[in-house]
Amino acid sequence: MNSNFVFRNIDQTNAIADAVQKRIQKLERYCDEIIAGRVVLDSPHNNHHKGKVYSVGLEIHTPSKEVRVNQEQHDNHAHEDLYINN
């Protein structure tokens, strides 16, 4: 699959890129029709009173469908660190 990573307001590191790539490869095991993917990692500027807040967007393209998923941190402390080892 052709994948693209976008880092907004976050320093791009090899560790984060490798972790995202591993998760994409995991998706490919469940759906062999994925032809392209785009991951957007963001840390909005206007959340300084909450500490570091991250959002992740994922777009997956297959020959017949396009799937978009967005996940934003709210009060879930499990996502305060962008590099989550699940």
PDB file of N, CA and C in Angstrom:
ATOM      1  N   MET A   1       0.842  -1.172   0.000  1.00  0.00           N
ATOM      2  CA  MET A   1       0.000   0.000   0.000  1.00  0.00           C
ATOM      3  C   MET A   1       0.889   1.237   0.000  1.00  0.00           C
ATOM      4  N   ASN A   2       0.460   2.220  -0.718  1.00  0.00           N
ATOM      5  CA  ASN A   2       1.119   3.522  -0.737  1.00  0.00           C
ATOM      6  C   ASN A   2       0.570   4.333   0.436  1.00  0.00           C
ATOM      7  N   SER A   3       1.441   4.705   1.379  1.00  0.00           N
ATOM      8  CA  SER A   3       0.966   5.447   2.547  1.00  0.00           C
ATOM      9  C   SER A   3       1.679   6.786   2.665  1.00  0.00           C
ATOM     10  N   ASN A   4       0.955   7.753   3.225  1.00  0.00           N
ATOM     11  CA  ASN A   4       1.444   9.114   3.375  1.00  0.00           C
ATOM     12  C   ASN A   4       1.185   9.547   4.814  1.00  0.00           C
ATOM     13  N   PHE A   5       2.203  10.117   5.463  1.00  0.00           N
ATOM     14  CA  PHE A   5       2.065  10.618   6.826  1.00  0.00           C
ATOM     15  C   PHE A   5       2.168  12.133   6.800  1.00  0.00           C
ATOM     16  N   VAL A   6       1.273  12.794   7.541  1.00  0.00           N
ATOM     17  CA  VAL A   6       1.302  14.244   7.670  1.00  0.00           C
ATOM     18  C   VAL A   6       1.417  14.569   9.157  1.00  0.00           C
ATOM     19  N   PHE A   7       2.417  15.359   9.505  1.00  0.00           N
ATOM     20  CA  PHE A   7       2.637  15.790  10.884  1.00  0.00           C
ATOM     21  C   PHE A   7       2.326  17.280  10.961  1.00  0.00           C
ATOM     22  N   ARG A   8       1.334  17.643  11.781  1.00  0.00           N
ATOM     23  CA  ARG A   8       0.966  19.050  11.966  1.00  0.00           C
ATOM     24  C   ARG A   8       1.231  19.439  13.414  1.00  0.00           C
ATOM     25  N   ASN A   9       2.061  20.441  13.589  1.00  0.00           N
ATOM     26  CA  ASN A   9       2.393  20.945  14.926  1.00  0.00           C
ATOM     27  C   ASN A   9       3.044  19.881  15.805  1.00  0.00           C
ATOM     28  N   ILE A  10       3.639  18.876  15.178  1.00  0.00           N
ATOM     29  CA  ILE A  10       4.318  17.784  15.874  1.00  0.00           C
ATOM     30  C   ILE A  10       5.636  17.542  15.162  1.00  0.00           C
ATOM     31  N   ASP A  11       6.696  17.352  15.929  1.00  0.00           N
ATOM     32  CA  ASP A  11       7.976  17.002  15.322  1.00  0.00           C
ATOM     33  C   ASP A  11       7.913  15.576  14.794  1.00  0.00           C
ATOM     34  N   GLN A  12       8.305  15.403  13.552  1.00  0.00           N
ATOM     35  CA  GLN A  12       8.317  14.073  12.955  1.00  0.00           C
ATOM     36  C   GLN A  12       9.545  13.314  13.449  1.00  0.00           C
ATOM     37  N   THR A  13       9.313  12.128  13.987  1.00  0.00           N
ATOM     38  CA  THR A  13      10.412  11.289  14.441  1.00  0.00           C
ATOM     39  C   THR A  13      10.299   9.922  13.788  1.00  0.00           C
ATOM     40  N   ASN A  14      11.418   9.231  13.707  1.00  0.00           N
ATOM     41  CA  ASN A  14      11.406   7.880  13.149  1.00  0.00           C
ATOM     42  C   ASN A  14      10.576   6.939  14.011  1.00  0.00           C
ATOM     43  N   ALA A  15      10.607   7.117  15.325  1.00  0.00           N
ATOM     44  CA  ALA A  15       9.851   6.244  16.221  1.00  0.00           C
ATOM     45  C   ALA A  15       8.351   6.350  15.961  1.00  0.00           C
ATOM     46  N   ILE A  16       7.857   7.567  15.796  1.00  0.00           N
ATOM     47  CA  ILE A  16       6.430   7.749  15.526  1.00  0.00           C
ATOM     48  C   ILE A  16       6.084   7.208  14.148  1.00  0.00           C
ATOM     49  N   ALA A  17       6.885   7.519  13.141  1.00  0.00           N
ATOM     50  CA  ALA A  17       6.623   7.030  11.786  1.00  0.00           C
ATOM     51  C   ALA A  17       6.646   5.504  11.744  1.00  0.00           C
ATOM     52  N   ASP A  18       7.585   4.883  12.445  1.00  0.00           N
ATOM     53  CA  ASP A  18       7.653   3.419  12.481  1.00  0.00           C
ATOM     54  C   ASP A  18       6.429   2.819  13.164  1.00  0.00           C
ATOM     55  N   ALA A  19       5.977   3.444  14.255  1.00  0.00           N
ATOM     56  CA  ALA A  19       4.798   2.947  14.962  1.00  0.00           C
ATOM     57  C   ALA A  19       3.551   3.040  14.087  1.00  0.00           C
ATOM     58  N   VAL A  20       3.410   4.139  13.360  1.00  0.00           N
ATOM     59  CA  VAL A  20       2.265   4.303  12.460  1.00  0.00           C
ATOM     60  C   VAL A  20       2.342   3.281  11.329  1.00  0.00           C
ATOM     61  N   GLN A  21       3.526   3.087  10.773  1.00  0.00           N
ATOM     62  CA  GLN A  21       3.698   2.126   9.683  1.00  0.00           C
ATOM     63  C   GLN A  21       3.350   0.708  10.134  1.00  0.00           C
ATOM     64  N   LYS A  22       3.710   0.336  11.344  1.00  0.00           N
ATOM     65  CA  LYS A  22       3.374  -0.995  11.867  1.00  0.00           C
ATOM     66  C   LYS A  22       1.871  -1.175  11.979  1.00  0.00           C
ATOM     67  N   ARG A  23       1.173  -0.120  12.387  1.00  0.00           N
ATOM     68  CA  ARG A  23      -0.285  -0.214  12.497  1.00  0.00           C
ATOM     69  C   ARG A  23      -0.942  -0.303  11.121  1.00  0.00           C
ATOM     70  N   ILE A  24      -0.377   0.375  10.148  1.00  0.00           N
ATOM     71  CA  ILE A  24      -0.898   0.272   8.782  1.00  0.00           C
ATOM     72  C   ILE A  24      -0.698  -1.141   8.257  1.00  0.00           C
ATOM     73  N   GLN A  25       0.463  -1.722   8.508  1.00  0.00           N
ATOM     74  CA  GLN A  25       0.720  -3.095   8.078  1.00  0.00           C
ATOM     75  C   GLN A  25      -0.248  -4.064   8.747  1.00  0.00           C
ATOM     76  N   LYS A  26      -0.617  -3.781   9.976  1.00  0.00           N
ATOM     77  CA  LYS A  26      -1.593  -4.614  10.677  1.00  0.00           C
ATOM     78  C   LYS A  26      -2.954  -4.542   9.983  1.00  0.00           C
ATOM     79  N   LEU A  27      -3.346  -3.354   9.533  1.00  0.00           N
ATOM     80  CA  LEU A  27      -4.602  -3.211   8.789  1.00  0.00           C
ATOM     81  C   LEU A  27      -4.574  -4.009   7.491  1.00  0.00           C
ATOM     82  N   GLU A  28      -3.425  -4.024   6.833  1.00  0.00           N
ATOM     83  CA  GLU A  28      -3.307  -4.740   5.564  1.00  0.00           C
ATOM     84  C   GLU A  28      -3.508  -6.241   5.739  1.00  0.00           C
ATOM     85  N   ARG A  29      -3.238  -6.770   6.914  1.00  0.00           N
ATOM     86  CA  ARG A  29      -3.471  -8.199   7.157  1.00  0.00           C
ATOM     87  C   ARG A  29      -4.960  -8.520   7.142  1.00  0.00           C
ATOM     88  N   TYR A  30      -5.791  -7.549   7.506  1.00  0.00           N
ATOM     89  CA  TYR A  30      -7.229  -7.765   7.568  1.00  0.00           C
ATOM     90  C   TYR A  30      -7.947  -7.403   6.271  1.00  0.00           C
ATOM     91  N   CYS A  31      -7.327  -6.561   5.466  1.00  0.00           N
ATOM     92  CA  CYS A  31      -7.946  -6.150   4.196  1.00  0.00           C
ATOM     93  C   CYS A  31      -6.852  -6.003   3.149  1.00  0.00           C
ATOM     94  N   ASP A  32      -6.785  -6.958   2.235  1.00  0.00           N
ATOM     95  CA  ASP A  32      -5.729  -6.920   1.218  1.00  0.00           C
ATOM     96  C   ASP A  32      -6.083  -6.023   0.037  1.00  0.00           C
ATOM     97  N   GLU A  33      -7.245  -5.367   0.097  1.00  0.00           N
ATOM     98  CA  GLU A  33      -7.660  -4.479  -0.994  1.00  0.00           C
ATOM     99  C   GLU A  33      -7.243  -3.026  -0.778  1.00  0.00           C
ATOM    100  N   ILE A  34      -6.594  -2.717   0.324  1.00  0.00           N
ATOM    101  CA  ILE A  34      -6.176  -1.342   0.592  1.00  0.00           C
ATOM    102  C   ILE A  34      -5.088  -0.957  -0.405  1.00  0.00           C
ATOM    103  N   ILE A  35      -5.333   0.137  -1.142  1.00  0.00           N
ATOM    104  CA  ILE A  35      -4.351   0.571  -2.140  1.00  0.00           C
ATOM    105  C   ILE A  35      -3.613   1.838  -1.713  1.00  0.00           C
ATOM    106  N   ALA A  36      -4.201   2.614  -0.801  1.00  0.00           N
ATOM    107  CA  ALA A  36      -3.544   3.844  -0.348  1.00  0.00           C
ATOM    108  C   ALA A  36      -4.056   4.208   1.035  1.00  0.00           C
ATOM    109  N   GLY A  37      -3.212   4.910   1.765  1.00  0.00           N
ATOM    110  CA  GLY A  37      -3.598   5.366   3.094  1.00  0.00           C
ATOM    111  C   GLY A  37      -2.938   6.690   3.409  1.00  0.00           C
ATOM    112  N   ARG A  38      -3.604   7.468   4.228  1.00  0.00           N
ATOM    113  CA  ARG A  38      -3.069   8.763   4.655  1.00  0.00           C
ATOM    114  C   ARG A  38      -3.343   8.905   6.143  1.00  0.00           C
ATOM    115  N   VAL A  39      -2.307   9.231   6.901  1.00  0.00           N
ATOM    116  CA  VAL A  39      -2.428   9.413   8.341  1.00  0.00           C
ATOM    117  C   VAL A  39      -2.027  10.845   8.667  1.00  0.00           C
ATOM    118  N   VAL A  40      -2.894  11.547   9.395  1.00  0.00           N
ATOM    119  CA  VAL A  40      -2.610  12.920   9.815  1.00  0.00           C
ATOM    120  C   VAL A  40      -2.520  12.932  11.334  1.00  0.00           C
ATOM    121  N   LEU A  41      -1.352  13.310  11.841  1.00  0.00           N
ATOM    122  CA  LEU A  41      -1.115  13.438  13.280  1.00  0.00           C
ATOM    123  C   LEU A  41      -1.038  14.923  13.596  1.00  0.00           C
ATOM    124  N   ASP A  42      -1.855  15.377  14.551  1.00  0.00           N
ATOM    125  CA  ASP A  42      -1.953  16.808  14.810  1.00  0.00           C
ATOM    126  C   ASP A  42      -1.970  17.077  16.311  1.00  0.00           C
ATOM    127  N   SER A  43      -1.432  18.219  16.675  1.00  0.00           N
ATOM    128  CA  SER A  43      -1.511  18.730  18.037  1.00  0.00           C
ATOM    129  C   SER A  43      -1.980  20.178  17.937  1.00  0.00           C
ATOM    130  N   PRO A  44      -3.288  20.408  18.082  1.00  0.00           N
ATOM    131  CA  PRO A  44      -3.813  21.767  17.933  1.00  0.00           C
ATOM    132  C   PRO A  44      -3.174  22.742  18.912  1.00  0.00           C
ATOM    133  N   HIS A  45      -2.976  23.980  18.461  1.00  0.00           N
ATOM    134  CA  HIS A  45      -2.331  25.016  19.275  1.00  0.00           C
ATOM    135  C   HIS A  45      -3.207  25.513  20.414  1.00  0.00           C
ATOM    136  N   ASN A  46      -4.519  25.466  20.262  1.00  0.00           N
ATOM    137  CA  ASN A  46      -5.400  26.133  21.218  1.00  0.00           C
ATOM    138  C   ASN A  46      -5.719  25.299  22.455  1.00  0.00           C
ATOM    139  N   ASN A  47      -4.930  24.281  22.746  1.00  0.00           N
ATOM    140  CA  ASN A  47      -5.200  23.446  23.909  1.00  0.00           C
ATOM    141  C   ASN A  47      -4.107  23.549  24.963  1.00  0.00           C
ATOM    142  N   HIS A  48      -3.498  24.722  25.093  1.00  0.00           N
ATOM    143  CA  HIS A  48      -2.392  24.871  26.033  1.00  0.00           C
ATOM    144  C   HIS A  48      -2.810  24.649  27.488  1.00  0.00           C
ATOM    145  N   HIS A  49      -4.059  24.894  27.823  1.00  0.00           N
ATOM    146  CA  HIS A  49      -4.504  24.688  29.199  1.00  0.00           C
ATOM    147  C   HIS A  49      -4.742  23.216  29.521  1.00  0.00           C
ATOM    148  N   LYS A  50      -4.786  22.357  28.517  1.00  0.00           N
ATOM    149  CA  LYS A  50      -5.000  20.928  28.725  1.00  0.00           C
ATOM    150  C   LYS A  50      -3.712  20.129  28.597  1.00  0.00           C
ATOM    151  N   GLY A  51      -2.603  20.775  28.334  1.00  0.00           N
ATOM    152  CA  GLY A  51      -1.373  20.039  28.072  1.00  0.00           C
ATOM    153  C   GLY A  51      -1.343  19.600  26.619  1.00  0.00           C
ATOM    154  N   LYS A  52      -0.536  18.625  26.317  1.00  0.00           N
ATOM    155  CA  LYS A  52      -0.447  18.130  24.941  1.00  0.00           C
ATOM    156  C   LYS A  52      -1.696  17.330  24.597  1.00  0.00           C
ATOM    157  N   VAL A  53      -2.382  17.735  23.560  1.00  0.00           N
ATOM    158  CA  VAL A  53      -3.564  17.046  23.072  1.00  0.00           C
ATOM    159  C   VAL A  53      -3.300  16.672  21.629  1.00  0.00           C
ATOM    160  N   TYR A  54      -3.600  15.436  21.278  1.00  0.00           N
ATOM    161  CA  TYR A  54      -3.313  14.952  19.934  1.00  0.00           C
ATOM    162  C   TYR A  54      -4.580  14.481  19.245  1.00  0.00           C
ATOM    163  N   SER A  55      -4.574  14.580  17.926  1.00  0.00           N
ATOM    164  CA  SER A  55      -5.634  13.982  17.133  1.00  0.00           C
ATOM    165  C   SER A  55      -4.983  13.194  16.005  1.00  0.00           C
ATOM    166  N   VAL A  56      -5.664  12.133  15.607  1.00  0.00           N
ATOM    167  CA  VAL A  56      -5.170  11.268  14.541  1.00  0.00           C
ATOM    168  C   VAL A  56      -6.290  11.084  13.538  1.00  0.00           C
ATOM    169  N   GLY A  57      -5.972  11.297  12.277  1.00  0.00           N
ATOM    170  CA  GLY A  57      -6.916  11.059  11.198  1.00  0.00           C
ATOM    171  C   GLY A  57      -6.360   9.993  10.276  1.00  0.00           C
ATOM    172  N   LEU A  58      -7.217   9.107   9.810  1.00  0.00           N
ATOM    173  CA  LEU A  58      -6.803   8.024   8.926  1.00  0.00           C
ATOM    174  C   LEU A  58      -7.751   7.959   7.743  1.00  0.00           C
ATOM    175  N   GLU A  59      -7.199   7.947   6.548  1.00  0.00           N
ATOM    176  CA  GLU A  59      -7.973   7.736   5.324  1.00  0.00           C
ATOM    177  C   GLU A  59      -7.440   6.482   4.663  1.00  0.00           C
ATOM    178  N   ILE A  60      -8.332   5.566   4.340  1.00  0.00           N
ATOM    179  CA  ILE A  60      -7.955   4.327   3.661  1.00  0.00           C
ATOM    180  C   ILE A  60      -8.727   4.259   2.355  1.00  0.00           C
ATOM    181  N   HIS A  61      -8.012   3.959   1.288  1.00  0.00           N
ATOM    182  CA  HIS A  61      -8.635   3.854  -0.029  1.00  0.00           C
ATOM    183  C   HIS A  61      -8.539   2.419  -0.531  1.00  0.00           C
ATOM    184  N   THR A  62      -9.673   1.890  -0.979  1.00  0.00           N
ATOM    185  CA  THR A  62      -9.733   0.597  -1.654  1.00  0.00           C
ATOM    186  C   THR A  62     -10.299   0.859  -3.045  1.00  0.00           C
ATOM    187  N   PRO A  63     -10.295  -0.133  -3.921  1.00  0.00           N
ATOM    188  CA  PRO A  63     -10.866   0.103  -5.249  1.00  0.00           C
ATOM    189  C   PRO A  63     -12.337   0.530  -5.219  1.00  0.00           C
ATOM    190  N   SER A  64     -13.074   0.121  -4.192  1.00  0.00           N
ATOM    191  CA  SER A  64     -14.506   0.421  -4.175  1.00  0.00           C
ATOM    192  C   SER A  64     -14.945   1.405  -3.088  1.00  0.00           C
ATOM    193  N   LYS A  65     -14.079   1.692  -2.104  1.00  0.00           N
ATOM    194  CA  LYS A  65     -14.504   2.543  -0.990  1.00  0.00           C
ATOM    195  C   LYS A  65     -13.376   3.441  -0.507  1.00  0.00           C
ATOM    196  N   GLU A  66     -13.790   4.499   0.182  1.00  0.00           N
ATOM    197  CA  GLU A  66     -12.868   5.355   0.919  1.00  0.00           C
ATOM    198  C   GLU A  66     -13.392   5.449   2.344  1.00  0.00           C
ATOM    199  N   VAL A  67     -12.532   5.148   3.299  1.00  0.00           N
ATOM    200  CA  VAL A  67     -12.920   5.163   4.706  1.00  0.00           C
ATOM    201  C   VAL A  67     -12.103   6.232   5.421  1.00  0.00           C
ATOM    202  N   ARG A  68     -12.781   7.047   6.224  1.00  0.00           N
ATOM    203  CA  ARG A  68     -12.106   8.082   7.015  1.00  0.00           C
ATOM    204  C   ARG A  68     -12.471   7.898   8.483  1.00  0.00           C
ATOM    205  N   VAL A  69     -11.444   7.957   9.318  1.00  0.00           N
ATOM    206  CA  VAL A  69     -11.628   7.830  10.757  1.00  0.00           C
ATOM    207  C   VAL A  69     -10.817   8.927  11.421  1.00  0.00           C
ATOM    208  N   ASN A  70     -11.415   9.601  12.392  1.00  0.00           N
ATOM    209  CA  ASN A  70     -10.716  10.628  13.166  1.00  0.00           C
ATOM    210  C   ASN A  70     -10.860  10.303  14.638  1.00  0.00           C
ATOM    211  N   GLN A  71      -9.768  10.442  15.366  1.00  0.00           N
ATOM    212  CA  GLN A  71      -9.789  10.218  16.808  1.00  0.00           C
ATOM    213  C   GLN A  71      -9.122  11.408  17.473  1.00  0.00           C
ATOM    214  N   GLU A  72      -9.834  12.019  18.400  1.00  0.00           N
ATOM    215  CA  GLU A  72      -9.279  13.145  19.145  1.00  0.00           C
ATOM    216  C   GLU A  72      -9.243  12.791  20.616  1.00  0.00           C
ATOM    217  N   GLN A  73      -8.229  13.286  21.284  1.00  0.00           N
ATOM    218  CA  GLN A  73      -8.120  13.076  22.720  1.00  0.00           C
ATOM    219  C   GLN A  73      -9.075  14.025  23.414  1.00  0.00           C
ATOM    220  N   HIS A  74      -9.767  13.518  24.382  1.00  0.00           N
ATOM    221  CA  HIS A  74     -10.601  14.380  25.219  1.00  0.00           C
ATOM    222  C   HIS A  74     -10.080  14.257  26.642  1.00  0.00           C
ATOM    223  N   ASP A  75     -10.779  13.565  27.473  1.00  0.00           N
ATOM    224  CA  ASP A  75     -10.323  13.387  28.851  1.00  0.00           C
ATOM    225  C   ASP A  75      -9.685  12.025  29.066  1.00  0.00           C
ATOM    226  N   ASN A  76      -9.384  11.312  28.009  1.00  0.00           N
ATOM    227  CA  ASN A  76      -8.785   9.987  28.119  1.00  0.00           C
ATOM    228  C   ASN A  76      -7.278  10.131  28.275  1.00  0.00           C
ATOM    229  N   HIS A  77      -6.759   9.903  29.447  1.00  0.00           N
ATOM    230  CA  HIS A  77      -5.333  10.085  29.719  1.00  0.00           C
ATOM    231  C   HIS A  77      -4.468   9.059  29.010  1.00  0.00           C
ATOM    232  N   ALA A  78      -5.051   8.006  28.474  1.00  0.00           N
ATOM    233  CA  ALA A  78      -4.267   6.986  27.778  1.00  0.00           C
ATOM    234  C   ALA A  78      -3.658   7.528  26.497  1.00  0.00           C
ATOM    235  N   HIS A  79      -4.160   8.659  26.002  1.00  0.00           N
ATOM    236  CA  HIS A  79      -3.665   9.201  24.742  1.00  0.00           C
ATOM    237  C   HIS A  79      -2.888  10.503  24.927  1.00  0.00           C
ATOM    238  N   GLU A  80      -2.393  10.774  26.113  1.00  0.00           N
ATOM    239  CA  GLU A  80      -1.626  11.994  26.323  1.00  0.00           C
ATOM    240  C   GLU A  80      -0.263  11.927  25.661  1.00  0.00           C
ATOM    241  N   ASP A  81       0.221  10.736  25.385  1.00  0.00           N
ATOM    242  CA  ASP A  81       1.495  10.554  24.713  1.00  0.00           C
ATOM    243  C   ASP A  81       1.194  10.104  23.293  1.00  0.00           C
ATOM    244  N   LEU A  82       1.732  10.803  22.311  1.00  0.00           N
ATOM    245  CA  LEU A  82       1.453  10.452  20.925  1.00  0.00           C
ATOM    246  C   LEU A  82       1.950   9.065  20.591  1.00  0.00           C
ATOM    247  N   TYR A  83       3.108   8.696  21.118  1.00  0.00           N
ATOM    248  CA  TYR A  83       3.659   7.376  20.843  1.00  0.00           C
ATOM    249  C   TYR A  83       3.073   6.400  21.850  1.00  0.00           C
ATOM    250  N   ILE A  84       2.020   5.713  21.435  1.00  0.00           N
ATOM    251  CA  ILE A  84       1.333   4.752  22.290  1.00  0.00           C
ATOM    252  C   ILE A  84       1.722   3.369  21.826  1.00  0.00           C
ATOM    253  N   ASN A  85       2.201   2.549  22.714  1.00  0.00           N
ATOM    254  CA  ASN A  85       2.661   1.213  22.365  1.00  0.00           C
ATOM    255  C   ASN A  85       1.571   0.206  22.682  1.00  0.00           C
ATOM    256  N   ASN A  86       0.680  -0.041  21.726  1.00  0.00           N
ATOM    257  CA  ASN A  86      -0.395  -1.027  21.898  1.00  0.00           C
ATOM    258  C   ASN A  86      -0.070  -2.282  21.162  1.00  0.00           C
TER     259      ASN A  86
END
